[in-house]
Amino acid sequence: MKKIFGLVASLFLFASCISTKSTLKNVDNNAPTPKLTKNNTFVITEFSKDKKYGYNKDYPINIFYHGTKDDVINQQRFLNALAGPNGEAITFSKLESCCPFPSKNTEMGAGFLDVYEIKWEGLKNPILLYLNIYERGQLMVPVGFSLKKN
């Protein structure tokens, strides 16, 4: 009985943490599916002018993974296309999932953002980027980054 009560309480807490209205500002369900390079990275042609893009949980980079069997492959395809501001090779690692939001693209009715830590040689402090696999949006190079040279 305690286990059932604990499960019900956990589900209630989870549901109460999710607002019924999404705070995400840059979802675009009509954004084109990105093309891939021979190196299996996304072809990105636009550079964001918005300093919040990717850096703010309300303006995540909307990767959208449906159609693949791997929920992190598109995050890797996106991040592997990036370089530091002067072409520096970057490294990245997923730190956590956070920031639940309502989504029609999941069976649960909610999604989470993934927080990635980005580093490159000469960078004083790591950069945190918010990536969203549940929604679609125009993929752009975040402010402070460049594209990796092939």
N, C-alpha and C. Protein backbone atom coordinates (compact mmCIF):
# COMPACT_ATOMS: atom_id res chain seq x y z
N MET A 1 0.82 -1.18 0.00
CA MET A 1 0.00 0.00 0.00
C MET A 1 0.87 1.26 0.00
N LYS A 2 1.99 1.21 0.76
CA LYS A 2 2.89 2.37 0.81
C LYS A 2 3.49 2.65 -0.56
N LYS A 3 3.80 1.57 -1.30
CA LYS A 3 4.38 1.75 -2.63
C LYS A 3 3.39 2.41 -3.58
N ILE A 4 2.14 2.00 -3.52
CA ILE A 4 1.11 2.59 -4.38
C ILE A 4 0.92 4.06 -4.03
N PHE A 5 0.85 4.36 -2.72
CA PHE A 5 0.70 5.75 -2.30
C PHE A 5 1.90 6.59 -2.76
N GLY A 6 3.10 6.02 -2.64
CA GLY A 6 4.31 6.73 -3.07
C GLY A 6 4.30 7.01 -4.56
N LEU A 7 3.84 6.02 -5.34
CA LEU A 7 3.77 6.19 -6.79
C LEU A 7 2.76 7.27 -7.16
N VAL A 8 1.58 7.23 -6.53
CA VAL A 8 0.55 8.23 -6.80
C VAL A 8 1.05 9.62 -6.40
N ALA A 9 1.71 9.72 -5.25
CA ALA A 9 2.24 11.01 -4.79
C ALA A 9 3.30 11.53 -5.76
N SER A 10 4.16 10.64 -6.25
CA SER A 10 5.21 11.04 -7.21
C SER A 10 4.61 11.56 -8.51
N LEU A 11 3.59 10.84 -9.01
CA LEU A 11 2.93 11.28 -10.24
C LEU A 11 2.26 12.63 -10.05
N PHE A 12 1.64 12.84 -8.90
CA PHE A 12 1.00 14.12 -8.61
C PHE A 12 2.02 15.25 -8.57
N LEU A 13 3.15 15.01 -7.90
CA LEU A 13 4.20 16.04 -7.83
C LEU A 13 4.75 16.35 -9.21
N PHE A 14 4.99 15.30 -10.03
CA PHE A 14 5.49 15.51 -11.38
C PHE A 14 4.51 16.35 -12.19
N ALA A 15 3.24 15.99 -12.11
CA ALA A 15 2.22 16.71 -12.87
C ALA A 15 2.09 18.15 -12.40
N SER A 16 2.27 18.38 -11.11
CA SER A 16 2.12 19.74 -10.60
C SER A 16 3.30 20.63 -10.97
N CYS A 17 4.43 20.02 -11.34
CA CYS A 17 5.60 20.81 -11.74
C CYS A 17 5.50 21.31 -13.17
N ILE A 18 4.58 20.77 -13.93
CA ILE A 18 4.46 21.13 -15.34
C ILE A 18 3.31 22.11 -15.51
N SER A 19 3.62 23.24 -16.03
CA SER A 19 2.60 24.22 -16.33
C SER A 19 1.75 23.71 -17.49
N THR A 20 0.52 24.14 -17.55
CA THR A 20 -0.33 23.72 -18.66
C THR A 20 -0.04 24.54 -19.91
N LYS A 21 0.71 25.61 -19.77
CA LYS A 21 1.08 26.44 -20.91
C LYS A 21 2.60 26.44 -21.06
N SER A 22 3.06 26.19 -22.26
CA SER A 22 4.49 26.15 -22.50
C SER A 22 5.09 27.55 -22.45
N THR A 23 6.29 27.64 -21.89
CA THR A 23 7.01 28.91 -21.86
C THR A 23 8.01 29.03 -23.00
N LEU A 24 8.12 27.96 -23.83
CA LEU A 24 9.08 27.97 -24.93
C LEU A 24 8.66 29.00 -25.97
N LYS A 25 9.58 29.86 -26.37
CA LYS A 25 9.27 30.98 -27.26
C LYS A 25 9.61 30.74 -28.73
N ASN A 26 10.39 29.72 -29.03
CA ASN A 26 10.90 29.60 -30.39
C ASN A 26 10.55 28.27 -31.06
N VAL A 27 9.42 27.70 -30.73
CA VAL A 27 8.97 26.46 -31.37
C VAL A 27 8.41 26.81 -32.75
N ASP A 28 8.80 26.06 -33.76
CA ASP A 28 8.30 26.26 -35.11
C ASP A 28 8.06 24.89 -35.74
N ASN A 29 6.81 24.44 -35.69
CA ASN A 29 6.47 23.12 -36.22
C ASN A 29 6.62 23.03 -37.73
N ASN A 30 6.81 24.15 -38.40
CA ASN A 30 6.99 24.16 -39.85
C ASN A 30 8.46 24.26 -40.26
N ALA A 31 9.36 24.26 -39.28
CA ALA A 31 10.79 24.34 -39.60
C ALA A 31 11.19 23.11 -40.42
N PRO A 32 12.03 23.31 -41.42
CA PRO A 32 12.44 22.17 -42.25
C PRO A 32 13.32 21.20 -41.48
N THR A 33 13.26 19.94 -41.88
CA THR A 33 14.16 18.95 -41.31
C THR A 33 15.55 19.23 -41.84
N PRO A 34 16.53 19.36 -40.96
CA PRO A 34 17.89 19.68 -41.44
C PRO A 34 18.50 18.56 -42.27
N LYS A 35 19.31 18.95 -43.23
CA LYS A 35 20.04 17.99 -44.05
C LYS A 35 21.30 17.58 -43.30
N LEU A 36 21.87 16.45 -43.71
CA LEU A 36 23.08 15.94 -43.07
C LEU A 36 24.28 16.05 -44.00
N THR A 37 25.44 16.29 -43.42
CA THR A 37 26.70 16.27 -44.17
C THR A 37 27.18 14.83 -44.27
N LYS A 38 28.26 14.62 -44.99
CA LYS A 38 28.86 13.29 -45.08
C LYS A 38 29.41 12.83 -43.73
N ASN A 39 29.69 13.80 -42.85
CA ASN A 39 30.21 13.49 -41.51
C ASN A 39 29.10 13.26 -40.50
N ASN A 40 27.84 13.18 -40.97
CA ASN A 40 26.68 12.95 -40.11
C ASN A 40 26.45 14.09 -39.11
N THR A 41 26.70 15.31 -39.56
CA THR A 41 26.35 16.49 -38.77
C THR A 41 25.29 17.27 -39.54
N PHE A 42 24.56 18.12 -38.83
CA PHE A 42 23.54 18.91 -39.49
C PHE A 42 24.17 20.01 -40.34
N VAL A 43 23.56 20.29 -41.46
CA VAL A 43 23.93 21.45 -42.27
C VAL A 43 23.17 22.64 -41.67
N ILE A 44 23.91 23.56 -41.12
CA ILE A 44 23.32 24.75 -40.50
C ILE A 44 23.82 25.95 -41.28
N THR A 45 22.90 26.80 -41.73
CA THR A 45 23.29 27.93 -42.57
C THR A 45 23.00 29.28 -41.93
N GLU A 46 22.20 29.28 -40.86
CA GLU A 46 21.84 30.56 -40.23
C GLU A 46 22.54 30.74 -38.90
N PHE A 47 22.82 32.00 -38.59
CA PHE A 47 23.43 32.37 -37.32
C PHE A 47 22.42 33.18 -36.53
N SER A 48 22.19 32.78 -35.29
CA SER A 48 21.24 33.50 -34.45
C SER A 48 21.81 34.86 -34.05
N LYS A 49 20.96 35.85 -34.01
CA LYS A 49 21.34 37.17 -33.50
C LYS A 49 20.79 37.35 -32.08
N ASP A 50 19.95 36.41 -31.66
CA ASP A 50 19.33 36.45 -30.34
C ASP A 50 20.26 35.83 -29.31
N LYS A 51 20.72 36.61 -28.35
CA LYS A 51 21.65 36.12 -27.34
C LYS A 51 21.01 35.10 -26.39
N LYS A 52 19.69 34.99 -26.42
CA LYS A 52 19.00 34.01 -25.57
C LYS A 52 18.94 32.63 -26.22
N TYR A 53 19.08 32.57 -27.55
CA TYR A 53 18.92 31.31 -28.29
C TYR A 53 19.92 30.26 -27.79
N GLY A 54 19.37 29.23 -27.16
CA GLY A 54 20.19 28.15 -26.63
C GLY A 54 20.71 28.39 -25.24
N TYR A 55 20.84 29.65 -24.84
CA TYR A 55 21.39 30.00 -23.54
C TYR A 55 20.32 30.13 -22.45
N ASN A 56 19.08 30.25 -22.85
CA ASN A 56 17.97 30.49 -21.93
C ASN A 56 16.98 29.34 -22.07
N LYS A 57 16.47 28.84 -20.94
CA LYS A 57 15.57 27.69 -20.98
C LYS A 57 14.28 27.98 -21.74
N ASP A 58 13.89 29.23 -21.89
CA ASP A 58 12.70 29.56 -22.66
C ASP A 58 12.98 29.68 -24.16
N TYR A 59 14.25 29.67 -24.54
CA TYR A 59 14.67 29.77 -25.95
C TYR A 59 15.65 28.64 -26.28
N PRO A 60 15.24 27.39 -26.05
CA PRO A 60 16.18 26.28 -26.29
C PRO A 60 16.39 26.04 -27.78
N ILE A 61 17.39 25.26 -28.08
CA ILE A 61 17.64 24.82 -29.45
C ILE A 61 16.74 23.59 -29.64
N ASN A 62 15.74 23.74 -30.49
CA ASN A 62 14.73 22.70 -30.67
C ASN A 62 15.20 21.71 -31.75
N ILE A 63 15.71 20.59 -31.30
CA ILE A 63 16.35 19.59 -32.17
C ILE A 63 15.35 18.65 -32.81
N PHE A 64 14.32 18.24 -32.10
CA PHE A 64 13.27 17.32 -32.55
C PHE A 64 13.85 16.01 -33.08
N TYR A 65 13.67 14.93 -32.31
CA TYR A 65 14.29 13.66 -32.68
C TYR A 65 13.34 12.66 -33.30
N HIS A 66 12.04 12.89 -33.29
CA HIS A 66 11.13 11.86 -33.82
C HIS A 66 11.50 11.54 -35.26
N GLY A 67 11.40 10.27 -35.59
CA GLY A 67 11.82 9.81 -36.90
C GLY A 67 13.18 9.12 -36.81
N THR A 68 13.84 9.25 -35.67
CA THR A 68 15.07 8.48 -35.43
C THR A 68 14.78 7.56 -34.25
N LYS A 69 15.57 6.53 -34.11
CA LYS A 69 15.38 5.61 -33.00
C LYS A 69 16.23 6.00 -31.80
N ASP A 70 17.02 7.02 -31.93
CA ASP A 70 17.96 7.43 -30.89
C ASP A 70 17.66 8.86 -30.49
N ASP A 71 17.33 9.07 -29.22
CA ASP A 71 16.92 10.40 -28.80
C ASP A 71 18.07 11.40 -28.63
N VAL A 72 19.32 10.96 -28.68
CA VAL A 72 20.44 11.90 -28.57
C VAL A 72 21.18 12.13 -29.89
N ILE A 73 20.84 11.38 -30.93
CA ILE A 73 21.58 11.49 -32.19
C ILE A 73 21.50 12.90 -32.77
N ASN A 74 20.33 13.53 -32.72
CA ASN A 74 20.21 14.87 -33.30
C ASN A 74 20.93 15.92 -32.46
N GLN A 75 21.01 15.71 -31.16
CA GLN A 75 21.80 16.62 -30.33
C GLN A 75 23.26 16.55 -30.74
N GLN A 76 23.75 15.34 -30.97
CA GLN A 76 25.14 15.16 -31.39
C GLN A 76 25.36 15.73 -32.79
N ARG A 77 24.40 15.53 -33.68
CA ARG A 77 24.52 16.07 -35.04
C ARG A 77 24.59 17.59 -35.01
N PHE A 78 23.84 18.20 -34.13
CA PHE A 78 23.86 19.66 -34.01
C PHE A 78 25.18 20.13 -33.39
N LEU A 79 25.52 19.59 -32.23
CA LEU A 79 26.72 20.05 -31.52
C LEU A 79 28.00 19.76 -32.30
N ASN A 80 28.04 18.65 -33.04
CA ASN A 80 29.22 18.33 -33.84
C ASN A 80 29.40 19.26 -35.04
N ALA A 81 28.38 20.04 -35.36
CA ALA A 81 28.50 21.02 -36.45
C ALA A 81 29.10 22.33 -35.96
N LEU A 82 29.17 22.52 -34.64
CA LEU A 82 29.62 23.79 -34.08
C LEU A 82 31.12 23.81 -33.79
N ALA A 83 31.63 25.04 -33.71
CA ALA A 83 33.01 25.28 -33.28
C ALA A 83 33.00 26.53 -32.41
N GLY A 84 34.11 26.77 -31.74
CA GLY A 84 34.25 28.00 -30.96
C GLY A 84 34.23 29.21 -31.89
N PRO A 85 34.26 30.42 -31.35
CA PRO A 85 34.12 31.62 -32.17
C PRO A 85 35.21 31.80 -33.23
N ASN A 86 36.38 31.23 -33.00
CA ASN A 86 37.48 31.33 -33.95
C ASN A 86 37.80 29.98 -34.59
N GLY A 87 36.80 29.10 -34.62
CA GLY A 87 36.99 27.79 -35.23
C GLY A 87 37.55 26.74 -34.30
N GLU A 88 37.64 27.04 -33.00
CA GLU A 88 38.18 26.08 -32.04
C GLU A 88 37.31 24.82 -31.99
N ALA A 89 37.96 23.68 -31.84
CA ALA A 89 37.22 22.42 -31.65
C ALA A 89 36.55 22.46 -30.28
N ILE A 90 35.28 22.06 -30.24
CA ILE A 90 34.56 22.06 -28.97
C ILE A 90 34.42 20.64 -28.44
N THR A 91 34.25 20.55 -27.14
CA THR A 91 33.85 19.30 -26.50
C THR A 91 32.54 19.59 -25.78
N PHE A 92 31.73 18.56 -25.63
CA PHE A 92 30.46 18.75 -24.95
C PHE A 92 30.09 17.52 -24.16
N SER A 93 29.33 17.74 -23.11
CA SER A 93 28.80 16.64 -22.32
C SER A 93 27.46 17.06 -21.74
N LYS A 94 26.57 16.09 -21.66
CA LYS A 94 25.24 16.35 -21.10
C LYS A 94 25.36 16.38 -19.59
N LEU A 95 24.87 17.47 -18.99
CA LEU A 95 24.92 17.60 -17.54
C LEU A 95 23.67 17.05 -16.87
N GLU A 96 22.51 17.42 -17.42
CA GLU A 96 21.27 17.05 -16.76
C GLU A 96 20.09 17.29 -17.69
N SER A 97 18.94 16.79 -17.26
CA SER A 97 17.67 17.14 -17.88
C SER A 97 16.92 17.99 -16.86
N CYS A 98 16.22 18.99 -17.35
CA CYS A 98 15.55 19.91 -16.44
C CYS A 98 14.32 20.50 -17.10
N CYS A 99 13.69 21.37 -16.38
CA CYS A 99 12.74 22.33 -16.90
C CYS A 99 11.56 21.68 -17.64
N PRO A 100 10.73 20.88 -16.97
CA PRO A 100 9.62 20.23 -17.66
C PRO A 100 8.66 21.24 -18.29
N PHE A 101 8.10 20.84 -19.43
CA PHE A 101 7.15 21.70 -20.14
C PHE A 101 6.13 20.79 -20.83
N PRO A 102 4.93 21.30 -21.09
CA PRO A 102 3.93 20.47 -21.77
C PRO A 102 4.30 20.28 -23.23
N SER A 103 4.05 19.07 -23.74
CA SER A 103 4.35 18.78 -25.14
C SER A 103 3.37 17.73 -25.66
N LYS A 104 2.87 17.97 -26.86
CA LYS A 104 2.00 16.99 -27.52
C LYS A 104 2.81 15.91 -28.21
N ASN A 105 4.13 16.04 -28.19
CA ASN A 105 5.00 15.11 -28.90
C ASN A 105 5.54 13.98 -28.03
N THR A 106 5.00 13.82 -26.83
CA THR A 106 5.41 12.72 -25.97
C THR A 106 4.18 12.00 -25.45
N GLU A 107 4.37 10.74 -25.13
CA GLU A 107 3.27 9.96 -24.57
C GLU A 107 2.88 10.48 -23.18
N MET A 108 3.85 11.02 -22.44
CA MET A 108 3.59 11.55 -21.11
C MET A 108 2.87 12.89 -21.15
N GLY A 109 2.93 13.57 -22.28
CA GLY A 109 2.35 14.90 -22.37
C GLY A 109 3.28 15.99 -21.87
N ALA A 110 4.53 15.61 -21.62
CA ALA A 110 5.52 16.58 -21.13
C ALA A 110 6.90 16.21 -21.66
N GLY A 111 7.73 17.22 -21.79
CA GLY A 111 9.10 17.01 -22.21
C GLY A 111 10.05 17.67 -21.24
N PHE A 112 11.34 17.40 -21.40
CA PHE A 112 12.38 18.00 -20.59
C PHE A 112 13.45 18.57 -21.51
N LEU A 113 14.11 19.60 -21.06
CA LEU A 113 15.26 20.14 -21.79
C LEU A 113 16.51 19.42 -21.31
N ASP A 114 17.47 19.27 -22.20
CA ASP A 114 18.77 18.72 -21.82
C ASP A 114 19.77 19.85 -21.78
N VAL A 115 20.56 19.88 -20.71
CA VAL A 115 21.56 20.92 -20.52
C VAL A 115 22.92 20.34 -20.87
N TYR A 116 23.58 20.96 -21.85
CA TYR A 116 24.91 20.53 -22.28
C TYR A 116 25.96 21.56 -21.89
N GLU A 117 27.08 21.06 -21.41
CA GLU A 117 28.22 21.91 -21.10
C GLU A 117 29.17 21.87 -22.29
N ILE A 118 29.52 23.05 -22.79
CA ILE A 118 30.39 23.17 -23.96
C ILE A 118 31.71 23.81 -23.53
N LYS A 119 32.82 23.26 -24.02
CA LYS A 119 34.15 23.80 -23.71
C LYS A 119 34.98 23.83 -24.98
N TRP A 120 35.98 24.69 -24.98
CA TRP A 120 37.03 24.68 -25.99
C TRP A 120 38.27 25.29 -25.38
N GLU A 121 39.40 25.00 -25.98
CA GLU A 121 40.67 25.49 -25.45
C GLU A 121 40.67 27.02 -25.44
N GLY A 122 41.04 27.59 -24.30
CA GLY A 122 41.09 29.03 -24.15
C GLY A 122 39.82 29.64 -23.56
N LEU A 123 38.76 28.87 -23.45
CA LEU A 123 37.51 29.36 -22.87
C LEU A 123 37.65 29.38 -21.35
N LYS A 124 37.37 30.52 -20.74
CA LYS A 124 37.54 30.65 -19.29
C LYS A 124 36.52 29.84 -18.51
N ASN A 125 35.25 29.98 -18.87
CA ASN A 125 34.18 29.26 -18.18
C ASN A 125 33.35 28.49 -19.19
N PRO A 126 32.98 27.25 -18.87
CA PRO A 126 32.16 26.48 -19.80
C PRO A 126 30.84 27.19 -20.11
N ILE A 127 30.30 26.91 -21.26
CA ILE A 127 29.01 27.46 -21.69
C ILE A 127 27.95 26.39 -21.54
N LEU A 128 26.79 26.77 -21.05
CA LEU A 128 25.67 25.85 -20.94
C LEU A 128 24.66 26.17 -22.02
N LEU A 129 24.26 25.14 -22.77
CA LEU A 129 23.23 25.30 -23.80
C LEU A 129 22.06 24.38 -23.46
N TYR A 130 20.86 24.88 -23.71
CA TYR A 130 19.63 24.12 -23.50
C TYR A 130 19.17 23.55 -24.84
N LEU A 131 19.01 22.24 -24.91
CA LEU A 131 18.55 21.58 -26.12
C LEU A 131 17.24 20.85 -25.84
N ASN A 132 16.35 20.89 -26.81
CA ASN A 132 15.02 20.32 -26.67
C ASN A 132 14.80 19.32 -27.80
N ILE A 133 14.63 18.05 -27.44
CA ILE A 133 14.43 17.02 -28.46
C ILE A 133 12.96 16.82 -28.82
N TYR A 134 12.06 17.45 -28.10
CA TYR A 134 10.63 17.18 -28.28
C TYR A 134 9.94 18.12 -29.24
N GLU A 135 10.49 19.28 -29.47
CA GLU A 135 9.86 20.28 -30.34
C GLU A 135 10.78 20.58 -31.51
N ARG A 136 10.21 21.15 -32.54
CA ARG A 136 10.94 21.50 -33.75
C ARG A 136 11.14 23.01 -33.79
N GLY A 137 12.24 23.44 -34.37
CA GLY A 137 12.53 24.85 -34.55
C GLY A 137 13.61 25.04 -35.58
N GLN A 138 13.78 26.26 -36.01
CA GLN A 138 14.84 26.59 -36.96
C GLN A 138 16.19 26.42 -36.27
N LEU A 139 17.07 25.59 -36.83
CA LEU A 139 18.39 25.39 -36.24
C LEU A 139 19.33 26.50 -36.70
N MET A 140 19.98 27.11 -35.73
CA MET A 140 20.92 28.19 -36.01
C MET A 140 22.15 28.02 -35.13
N VAL A 141 23.21 28.68 -35.51
CA VAL A 141 24.42 28.71 -34.71
C VAL A 141 24.19 29.73 -33.58
N PRO A 142 24.34 29.31 -32.33
CA PRO A 142 24.16 30.26 -31.23
C PRO A 142 25.22 31.37 -31.23
N VAL A 143 24.85 32.51 -30.69
CA VAL A 143 25.79 33.63 -30.56
C VAL A 143 27.03 33.14 -29.81
N GLY A 144 28.20 33.50 -30.29
CA GLY A 144 29.45 33.10 -29.65
C GLY A 144 30.06 31.84 -30.22
N PHE A 145 29.38 31.22 -31.18
CA PHE A 145 29.89 30.01 -31.82
C PHE A 145 30.08 30.25 -33.30
N SER A 146 30.77 29.34 -33.94
CA SER A 146 30.92 29.36 -35.39
C SER A 146 30.63 27.93 -35.88
N LEU A 147 30.73 27.75 -37.18
CA LEU A 147 30.54 26.42 -37.75
C LEU A 147 31.89 25.73 -37.91
N LYS A 148 31.90 24.43 -37.66
CA LYS A 148 33.10 23.64 -37.84
C LYS A 148 33.44 23.60 -39.33
N LYS A 149 34.69 23.75 -39.65
CA LYS A 149 35.16 23.65 -41.03
C LYS A 149 35.30 22.19 -41.39
N ASN A 150 34.80 21.81 -42.55
CA ASN A 150 34.90 20.41 -42.98
C ASN A 150 36.16 20.12 -43.72
